[in-house]
Amino acid sequence: MSPVLHFYVRPSGHEGAAPGHTRRKLQGKLPELQGVETELCYNVNWTAEALPSAEETKKLMWLFGCPLLLDDVARESWLLPGSNDLL
C-alpha cells in the first residue's frame, strides 16, 4: 500500500481571511469565542518504491507553499491544542 504524505500549510493572503469570516459567523452562536486558527493539509499518495528524498521533499514543500513566505509548509500540524481550546 502506498504511504500518504501530509503537508501542512499556514494560510496566507486571501486564505487568511477565512478564519476571520468563520470567527464572525460563529460568534453569533458562541459569543465567548476568541479566535479561529486554520491550516491547509495536502495529502499526497506517494507511489514510488522509496519514500521521497530530501530533495524531493523540498520540492513538494515548495510546490505547496507560498513563494513569498519562508517556512510556511511543515510535515507536522501547526495547530497545537491549548488548555482552553476546542478542536
PDB file of N, CA and C in Angstrom:
ATOM      1  N   MET A   1       0.849  -1.182   0.000  1.00  0.00           N
ATOM      2  CA  MET A   1       0.000   0.000   0.000  1.00  0.00           C
ATOM      3  C   MET A   1       0.893   1.243   0.000  1.00  0.00           C
ATOM      4  N   SER A   2       0.520   2.213  -0.768  1.00  0.00           N
ATOM      5  CA  SER A   2       1.287   3.459  -0.877  1.00  0.00           C
ATOM      6  C   SER A   2       1.084   4.329   0.359  1.00  0.00           C
ATOM      7  N   PRO A   3       2.168   4.918   0.857  1.00  0.00           N
ATOM      8  CA  PRO A   3       2.004   5.826   2.000  1.00  0.00           C
ATOM      9  C   PRO A   3       1.380   7.147   1.566  1.00  0.00           C
ATOM     10  N   VAL A   4       0.674   7.753   2.478  1.00  0.00           N
ATOM     11  CA  VAL A   4       0.106   9.079   2.239  1.00  0.00           C
ATOM     12  C   VAL A   4       0.953  10.072   3.028  1.00  0.00           C
ATOM     13  N   LEU A   5       1.532  11.028   2.316  1.00  0.00           N
ATOM     14  CA  LEU A   5       2.363  12.055   2.938  1.00  0.00           C
ATOM     15  C   LEU A   5       1.497  13.266   3.234  1.00  0.00           C
ATOM     16  N   HIS A   6       1.693  13.886   4.378  1.00  0.00           N
ATOM     17  CA  HIS A   6       0.908  15.052   4.780  1.00  0.00           C
ATOM     18  C   HIS A   6       1.800  16.287   4.795  1.00  0.00           C
ATOM     19  N   PHE A   7       1.300  17.364   4.203  1.00  0.00           N
ATOM     20  CA  PHE A   7       1.996  18.644   4.204  1.00  0.00           C
ATOM     21  C   PHE A   7       1.024  19.695   4.721  1.00  0.00           C
ATOM     22  N   TYR A   8       1.390  20.339   5.817  1.00  0.00           N
ATOM     23  CA  TYR A   8       0.533  21.328   6.465  1.00  0.00           C
ATOM     24  C   TYR A   8       1.009  22.728   6.107  1.00  0.00           C
ATOM     25  N   VAL A   9       0.055  23.584   5.747  1.00  0.00           N
ATOM     26  CA  VAL A   9       0.385  24.928   5.272  1.00  0.00           C
ATOM     27  C   VAL A   9      -0.380  25.955   6.087  1.00  0.00           C
ATOM     28  N   ARG A  10       0.356  26.968   6.545  1.00  0.00           N
ATOM     29  CA  ARG A  10      -0.288  28.097   7.225  1.00  0.00           C
ATOM     30  C   ARG A  10      -0.996  28.937   6.171  1.00  0.00           C
ATOM     31  N   PRO A  11      -2.245  29.316   6.411  1.00  0.00           N
ATOM     32  CA  PRO A  11      -2.936  30.168   5.443  1.00  0.00           C
ATOM     33  C   PRO A  11      -2.232  31.510   5.285  1.00  0.00           C
ATOM     34  N   SER A  12      -2.206  32.004   4.068  1.00  0.00           N
ATOM     35  CA  SER A  12      -1.597  33.309   3.789  1.00  0.00           C
ATOM     36  C   SER A  12      -2.451  34.031   2.756  1.00  0.00           C
ATOM     37  N   GLY A  13      -2.283  35.311   2.660  1.00  0.00           N
ATOM     38  CA  GLY A  13      -3.022  36.071   1.653  1.00  0.00           C
ATOM     39  C   GLY A  13      -4.515  35.953   1.825  1.00  0.00           C
ATOM     40  N   HIS A  14      -5.219  35.680   0.727  1.00  0.00           N
ATOM     41  CA  HIS A  14      -6.685  35.623   0.784  1.00  0.00           C
ATOM     42  C   HIS A  14      -7.188  34.468   1.636  1.00  0.00           C
ATOM     43  N   GLU A  15      -6.392  33.388   1.789  1.00  0.00           N
ATOM     44  CA  GLU A  15      -6.831  32.293   2.654  1.00  0.00           C
ATOM     45  C   GLU A  15      -6.879  32.739   4.108  1.00  0.00           C
ATOM     46  N   GLY A  16      -6.065  33.730   4.465  1.00  0.00           N
ATOM     47  CA  GLY A  16      -6.048  34.236   5.831  1.00  0.00           C
ATOM     48  C   GLY A  16      -7.341  34.924   6.227  1.00  0.00           C
ATOM     49  N   ALA A  17      -8.144  35.333   5.253  1.00  0.00           N
ATOM     50  CA  ALA A  17      -9.423  35.980   5.544  1.00  0.00           C
ATOM     51  C   ALA A  17     -10.464  34.976   6.030  1.00  0.00           C
ATOM     52  N   ALA A  18     -10.301  33.708   5.706  1.00  0.00           N
ATOM     53  CA  ALA A  18     -11.287  32.693   6.073  1.00  0.00           C
ATOM     54  C   ALA A  18     -11.476  32.570   7.578  1.00  0.00           C
ATOM     55  N   PRO A  19     -10.404  32.525   8.393  1.00  0.00           N
ATOM     56  CA  PRO A  19     -10.636  32.430   9.841  1.00  0.00           C
ATOM     57  C   PRO A  19     -11.424  33.613  10.394  1.00  0.00           C
ATOM     58  N   GLY A  20     -11.184  34.821   9.880  1.00  0.00           N
ATOM     59  CA  GLY A  20     -11.933  35.991  10.340  1.00  0.00           C
ATOM     60  C   GLY A  20     -13.405  35.873  10.002  1.00  0.00           C
ATOM     61  N   HIS A  21     -13.706  35.419   8.804  1.00  0.00           N
ATOM     62  CA  HIS A  21     -15.093  35.224   8.385  1.00  0.00           C
ATOM     63  C   HIS A  21     -15.745  34.138   9.241  1.00  0.00           C
ATOM     64  N   THR A  22     -15.034  33.043   9.446  1.00  0.00           N
ATOM     65  CA  THR A  22     -15.562  31.943  10.256  1.00  0.00           C
ATOM     66  C   THR A  22     -15.794  32.390  11.693  1.00  0.00           C
ATOM     67  N   ARG A  23     -14.835  33.138  12.256  1.00  0.00           N
ATOM     68  CA  ARG A  23     -14.974  33.627  13.634  1.00  0.00           C
ATOM     69  C   ARG A  23     -16.207  34.511  13.771  1.00  0.00           C
ATOM     70  N   ARG A  24     -16.387  35.457  12.852  1.00  0.00           N
ATOM     71  CA  ARG A  24     -17.557  36.351  12.919  1.00  0.00           C
ATOM     72  C   ARG A  24     -18.856  35.553  12.819  1.00  0.00           C
ATOM     73  N   LYS A  25     -18.875  34.556  11.973  1.00  0.00           N
ATOM     74  CA  LYS A  25     -20.074  33.743  11.795  1.00  0.00           C
ATOM     75  C   LYS A  25     -20.382  32.928  13.063  1.00  0.00           C
ATOM     76  N   LEU A  26     -19.340  32.374  13.682  1.00  0.00           N
ATOM     77  CA  LEU A  26     -19.535  31.546  14.869  1.00  0.00           C
ATOM     78  C   LEU A  26     -19.819  32.350  16.128  1.00  0.00           C
ATOM     79  N   GLN A  27     -19.344  33.589  16.195  1.00  0.00           N
ATOM     80  CA  GLN A  27     -19.549  34.380  17.407  1.00  0.00           C
ATOM     81  C   GLN A  27     -21.022  34.672  17.654  1.00  0.00           C
ATOM     82  N   GLY A  28     -21.858  34.575  16.638  1.00  0.00           N
ATOM     83  CA  GLY A  28     -23.293  34.720  16.851  1.00  0.00           C
ATOM     84  C   GLY A  28     -23.842  33.608  17.727  1.00  0.00           C
ATOM     85  N   LYS A  29     -23.283  32.414  17.602  1.00  0.00           N
ATOM     86  CA  LYS A  29     -23.740  31.272  18.382  1.00  0.00           C
ATOM     87  C   LYS A  29     -22.854  31.005  19.598  1.00  0.00           C
ATOM     88  N   LEU A  30     -21.592  31.440  19.524  1.00  0.00           N
ATOM     89  CA  LEU A  30     -20.638  31.247  20.619  1.00  0.00           C
ATOM     90  C   LEU A  30     -19.992  32.587  20.952  1.00  0.00           C
ATOM     91  N   PRO A  31     -20.673  33.455  21.696  1.00  0.00           N
ATOM     92  CA  PRO A  31     -20.145  34.793  21.954  1.00  0.00           C
ATOM     93  C   PRO A  31     -18.801  34.796  22.677  1.00  0.00           C
ATOM     94  N   GLU A  32     -18.483  33.737  23.416  1.00  0.00           N
ATOM     95  CA  GLU A  32     -17.212  33.681  24.146  1.00  0.00           C
ATOM     96  C   GLU A  32     -16.037  33.275  23.250  1.00  0.00           C
ATOM     97  N   LEU A  33     -16.301  32.961  21.997  1.00  0.00           N
ATOM     98  CA  LEU A  33     -15.248  32.573  21.054  1.00  0.00           C
ATOM     99  C   LEU A  33     -14.249  33.708  20.887  1.00  0.00           C
ATOM    100  N   GLN A  34     -12.968  33.389  21.050  1.00  0.00           N
ATOM    101  CA  GLN A  34     -11.921  34.407  20.965  1.00  0.00           C
ATOM    102  C   GLN A  34     -11.196  34.396  19.630  1.00  0.00           C
ATOM    103  N   GLY A  35     -11.134  33.276  18.964  1.00  0.00           N
ATOM    104  CA  GLY A  35     -10.417  33.231  17.695  1.00  0.00           C
ATOM    105  C   GLY A  35     -10.545  31.878  17.026  1.00  0.00           C
ATOM    106  N   VAL A  36     -10.201  31.843  15.753  1.00  0.00           N
ATOM    107  CA  VAL A  36     -10.224  30.619  14.964  1.00  0.00           C
ATOM    108  C   VAL A  36      -8.888  30.515  14.237  1.00  0.00           C
ATOM    109  N   GLU A  37      -8.238  29.384  14.370  1.00  0.00           N
ATOM    110  CA  GLU A  37      -6.992  29.142  13.655  1.00  0.00           C
ATOM    111  C   GLU A  37      -7.217  28.002  12.674  1.00  0.00           C
ATOM    112  N   THR A  38      -6.686  28.142  11.481  1.00  0.00           N
ATOM    113  CA  THR A  38      -6.855  27.115  10.462  1.00  0.00           C
ATOM    114  C   THR A  38      -5.519  26.813   9.800  1.00  0.00           C
ATOM    115  N   GLU A  39      -5.495  25.720   9.092  1.00  0.00           N
ATOM    116  CA  GLU A  39      -4.358  25.372   8.256  1.00  0.00           C
ATOM    117  C   GLU A  39      -4.882  24.519   7.111  1.00  0.00           C
ATOM    118  N   LEU A  40      -4.118  24.457   6.066  1.00  0.00           N
ATOM    119  CA  LEU A  40      -4.435  23.581   4.947  1.00  0.00           C
ATOM    120  C   LEU A  40      -3.604  22.317   5.096  1.00  0.00           C
ATOM    121  N   CYS A  41      -4.142  21.187   4.685  1.00  0.00           N
ATOM    122  CA  CYS A  41      -3.384  19.941   4.707  1.00  0.00           C
ATOM    123  C   CYS A  41      -3.485  19.301   3.331  1.00  0.00           C
ATOM    124  N   TYR A  42      -2.329  19.121   2.710  1.00  0.00           N
ATOM    125  CA  TYR A  42      -2.266  18.429   1.424  1.00  0.00           C
ATOM    126  C   TYR A  42      -1.841  16.992   1.694  1.00  0.00           C
ATOM    127  N   ASN A  43      -2.618  16.050   1.186  1.00  0.00           N
ATOM    128  CA  ASN A  43      -2.325  14.632   1.339  1.00  0.00           C
ATOM    129  C   ASN A  43      -1.838  14.104  -0.004  1.00  0.00           C
ATOM    130  N   VAL A  44      -0.626  13.567  -0.014  1.00  0.00           N
ATOM    131  CA  VAL A  44      -0.002  13.095  -1.245  1.00  0.00           C
ATOM    132  C   VAL A  44       0.106  11.577  -1.187  1.00  0.00           C
ATOM    133  N   ASN A  45      -0.520  10.900  -2.139  1.00  0.00           N
ATOM    134  CA  ASN A  45      -0.412   9.450  -2.250  1.00  0.00           C
ATOM    135  C   ASN A  45       0.907   9.146  -2.956  1.00  0.00           C
ATOM    136  N   TRP A  46       1.918   8.749  -2.202  1.00  0.00           N
ATOM    137  CA  TRP A  46       3.268   8.548  -2.733  1.00  0.00           C
ATOM    138  C   TRP A  46       3.372   7.120  -3.258  1.00  0.00           C
ATOM    139  N   THR A  47       3.527   6.959  -4.576  1.00  0.00           N
ATOM    140  CA  THR A  47       3.527   5.630  -5.190  1.00  0.00           C
ATOM    141  C   THR A  47       4.910   5.133  -5.587  1.00  0.00           C
ATOM    142  N   ALA A  48       5.953   5.899  -5.332  1.00  0.00           N
ATOM    143  CA  ALA A  48       7.310   5.468  -5.670  1.00  0.00           C
ATOM    144  C   ALA A  48       7.738   4.319  -4.757  1.00  0.00           C
ATOM    145  N   GLU A  49       8.770   3.609  -5.185  1.00  0.00           N
ATOM    146  CA  GLU A  49       9.290   2.476  -4.406  1.00  0.00           C
ATOM    147  C   GLU A  49       9.768   2.893  -3.018  1.00  0.00           C
ATOM    148  N   ALA A  50      10.445   4.046  -2.944  1.00  0.00           N
ATOM    149  CA  ALA A  50      11.006   4.523  -1.676  1.00  0.00           C
ATOM    150  C   ALA A  50      10.345   5.840  -1.288  1.00  0.00           C
ATOM    151  N   LEU A  51      10.441   6.173  -0.014  1.00  0.00           N
ATOM    152  CA  LEU A  51       9.933   7.469   0.443  1.00  0.00           C
ATOM    153  C   LEU A  51      10.710   8.587  -0.250  1.00  0.00           C
ATOM    154  N   PRO A  52      10.140   9.784  -0.321  1.00  0.00           N
ATOM    155  CA  PRO A  52      10.829  10.860  -1.039  1.00  0.00           C
ATOM    156  C   PRO A  52      12.166  11.228  -0.387  1.00  0.00           C
ATOM    157  N   SER A  53      13.113  11.550  -1.235  1.00  0.00           N
ATOM    158  CA  SER A  53      14.417  12.004  -0.751  1.00  0.00           C
ATOM    159  C   SER A  53      14.268  13.402  -0.172  1.00  0.00           C
ATOM    160  N   ALA A  54      15.328  13.893   0.438  1.00  0.00           N
ATOM    161  CA  ALA A  54      15.304  15.252   0.988  1.00  0.00           C
ATOM    162  C   ALA A  54      15.036  16.266  -0.120  1.00  0.00           C
ATOM    163  N   GLU A  55      15.628  16.053  -1.286  1.00  0.00           N
ATOM    164  CA  GLU A  55      15.427  16.972  -2.413  1.00  0.00           C
ATOM    165  C   GLU A  55      13.979  16.912  -2.917  1.00  0.00           C
ATOM    166  N   GLU A  56      13.399  15.719  -3.000  1.00  0.00           N
ATOM    167  CA  GLU A  56      12.004  15.581  -3.430  1.00  0.00           C
ATOM    168  C   GLU A  56      11.058  16.214  -2.408  1.00  0.00           C
ATOM    169  N   THR A  57      11.342  16.017  -1.133  1.00  0.00           N
ATOM    170  CA  THR A  57      10.528  16.631  -0.082  1.00  0.00           C
ATOM    171  C   THR A  57      10.603  18.144  -0.171  1.00  0.00           C
ATOM    172  N   LYS A  58      11.789  18.664  -0.411  1.00  0.00           N
ATOM    173  CA  LYS A  58      11.972  20.112  -0.558  1.00  0.00           C
ATOM    174  C   LYS A  58      11.143  20.642  -1.731  1.00  0.00           C
ATOM    175  N   LYS A  59      11.106  19.905  -2.828  1.00  0.00           N
ATOM    176  CA  LYS A  59      10.315  20.314  -3.998  1.00  0.00           C
ATOM    177  C   LYS A  59       8.823  20.293  -3.682  1.00  0.00           C
ATOM    178  N   LEU A  60       8.371  19.260  -2.978  1.00  0.00           N
ATOM    179  CA  LEU A  60       6.955  19.192  -2.606  1.00  0.00           C
ATOM    180  C   LEU A  60       6.581  20.345  -1.683  1.00  0.00           C
ATOM    181  N   MET A  61       7.447  20.656  -0.739  1.00  0.00           N
ATOM    182  CA  MET A  61       7.168  21.761   0.181  1.00  0.00           C
ATOM    183  C   MET A  61       7.139  23.087  -0.573  1.00  0.00           C
ATOM    184  N   TRP A  62       7.995  23.239  -1.559  1.00  0.00           N
ATOM    185  CA  TRP A  62       7.985  24.449  -2.389  1.00  0.00           C
ATOM    186  C   TRP A  62       6.680  24.525  -3.181  1.00  0.00           C
ATOM    187  N   LEU A  63       6.248  23.387  -3.716  1.00  0.00           N
ATOM    188  CA  LEU A  63       5.031  23.333  -4.526  1.00  0.00           C
ATOM    189  C   LEU A  63       3.800  23.764  -3.729  1.00  0.00           C
ATOM    190  N   PHE A  64       3.706  23.346  -2.470  1.00  0.00           N
ATOM    191  CA  PHE A  64       2.534  23.642  -1.652  1.00  0.00           C
ATOM    192  C   PHE A  64       2.615  24.981  -0.931  1.00  0.00           C
ATOM    193  N   GLY A  65       3.787  25.574  -0.868  1.00  0.00           N
ATOM    194  CA  GLY A  65       3.968  26.814  -0.118  1.00  0.00           C
ATOM    195  C   GLY A  65       3.735  28.064  -0.942  1.00  0.00           C
ATOM    196  N   CYS A  66       3.792  29.183  -0.265  1.00  0.00           N
ATOM    197  CA  CYS A  66       3.682  30.493  -0.899  1.00  0.00           C
ATOM    198  C   CYS A  66       5.092  30.951  -1.259  1.00  0.00           C
ATOM    199  N   PRO A  67       5.323  31.383  -2.497  1.00  0.00           N
ATOM    200  CA  PRO A  67       6.674  31.785  -2.892  1.00  0.00           C
ATOM    201  C   PRO A  67       7.183  33.015  -2.150  1.00  0.00           C
ATOM    202  N   LEU A  68       6.302  33.779  -1.531  1.00  0.00           N
ATOM    203  CA  LEU A  68       6.709  34.985  -0.814  1.00  0.00           C
ATOM    204  C   LEU A  68       6.981  34.743   0.662  1.00  0.00           C
ATOM    205  N   LEU A  69       6.655  33.560   1.148  1.00  0.00           N
ATOM    206  CA  LEU A  69       6.845  33.244   2.567  1.00  0.00           C
ATOM    207  C   LEU A  69       7.821  32.089   2.722  1.00  0.00           C
ATOM    208  N   LEU A  70       8.640  32.170   3.730  1.00  0.00           N
ATOM    209  CA  LEU A  70       9.541  31.071   4.055  1.00  0.00           C
ATOM    210  C   LEU A  70       8.949  30.262   5.197  1.00  0.00           C
ATOM    211  N   ASP A  71       9.173  28.986   5.180  1.00  0.00           N
ATOM    212  CA  ASP A  71       8.765  28.100   6.279  1.00  0.00           C
ATOM    213  C   ASP A  71       7.268  28.120   6.559  1.00  0.00           C
ATOM    214  N   ASP A  72       6.448  28.190   5.513  1.00  0.00           N
ATOM    215  CA  ASP A  72       5.000  28.145   5.728  1.00  0.00           C
ATOM    216  C   ASP A  72       4.438  26.742   5.502  1.00  0.00           C
ATOM    217  N   VAL A  73       5.305  25.777   5.191  1.00  0.00           N
ATOM    218  CA  VAL A  73       4.896  24.387   4.983  1.00  0.00           C
ATOM    219  C   VAL A  73       5.670  23.510   5.963  1.00  0.00           C
ATOM    220  N   ALA A  74       4.960  22.555   6.576  1.00  0.00           N
ATOM    221  CA  ALA A  74       5.606  21.649   7.523  1.00  0.00           C
ATOM    222  C   ALA A  74       5.043  20.247   7.348  1.00  0.00           C
ATOM    223  N   ARG A  75       5.754  19.274   7.856  1.00  0.00           N
ATOM    224  CA  ARG A  75       5.291  17.886   7.809  1.00  0.00           C
ATOM    225  C   ARG A  75       4.415  17.559   9.018  1.00  0.00           C
ATOM    226  N   GLU A  76       4.434  18.414  10.026  1.00  0.00           N
ATOM    227  CA  GLU A  76       3.595  18.259  11.218  1.00  0.00           C
ATOM    228  C   GLU A  76       2.631  19.437  11.290  1.00  0.00           C
ATOM    229  N   SER A  77       1.487  19.217  11.894  1.00  0.00           N
ATOM    230  CA  SER A  77       0.478  20.267  12.020  1.00  0.00           C
ATOM    231  C   SER A  77       1.005  21.440  12.840  1.00  0.00           C
ATOM    232  N   TRP A  78       0.607  22.638  12.437  1.00  0.00           N
ATOM    233  CA  TRP A  78       0.936  23.856  13.187  1.00  0.00           C
ATOM    234  C   TRP A  78      -0.001  24.016  14.380  1.00  0.00           C
ATOM    235  N   LEU A  79      -1.147  23.374  14.328  1.00  0.00           N
ATOM    236  CA  LEU A  79      -2.169  23.565  15.352  1.00  0.00           C
ATOM    237  C   LEU A  79      -1.892  22.659  16.548  1.00  0.00           C
ATOM    238  N   LEU A  80      -1.660  23.274  17.676  1.00  0.00           N
ATOM    239  CA  LEU A  80      -1.432  22.543  18.917  1.00  0.00           C
ATOM    240  C   LEU A  80      -2.495  22.968  19.921  1.00  0.00           C
ATOM    241  N   PRO A  81      -3.210  22.000  20.511  1.00  0.00           N
ATOM    242  CA  PRO A  81      -4.288  22.370  21.428  1.00  0.00           C
ATOM    243  C   PRO A  81      -3.760  22.989  22.717  1.00  0.00           C
ATOM    244  N   GLY A  82      -4.444  24.038  23.155  1.00  0.00           N
ATOM    245  CA  GLY A  82      -4.159  24.672  24.437  1.00  0.00           C
ATOM    246  C   GLY A  82      -5.205  24.251  25.447  1.00  0.00           C
ATOM    247  N   SER A  83      -5.057  24.698  26.681  1.00  0.00           N
ATOM    248  CA  SER A  83      -5.963  24.272  27.746  1.00  0.00           C
ATOM    249  C   SER A  83      -7.397  24.749  27.531  1.00  0.00           C
ATOM    250  N   ASN A  84      -7.595  25.865  26.838  1.00  0.00           N
ATOM    251  CA  ASN A  84      -8.946  26.398  26.617  1.00  0.00           C
ATOM    252  C   ASN A  84      -9.442  26.186  25.196  1.00  0.00           C
ATOM    253  N   ASP A  85      -8.743  25.377  24.421  1.00  0.00           N
ATOM    254  CA  ASP A  85      -9.099  25.199  23.012  1.00  0.00           C
ATOM    255  C   ASP A  85     -10.170  24.139  22.826  1.00  0.00           C
ATOM    256  N   LEU A  86     -10.978  24.347  21.822  1.00  0.00           N
ATOM    257  CA  LEU A  86     -11.989  23.385  21.404  1.00  0.00           C
ATOM    258  C   LEU A  86     -11.628  22.969  19.989  1.00  0.00           C
ATOM    259  N   LEU A  87     -11.301  21.711  19.811  1.00  0.00           N
ATOM    260  CA  LEU A  87     -10.897  21.215  18.493  1.00  0.00           C
ATOM    261  C   LEU A  87     -12.013  20.445  17.846  1.00  0.00           C
TER     262      LEU A  87
END
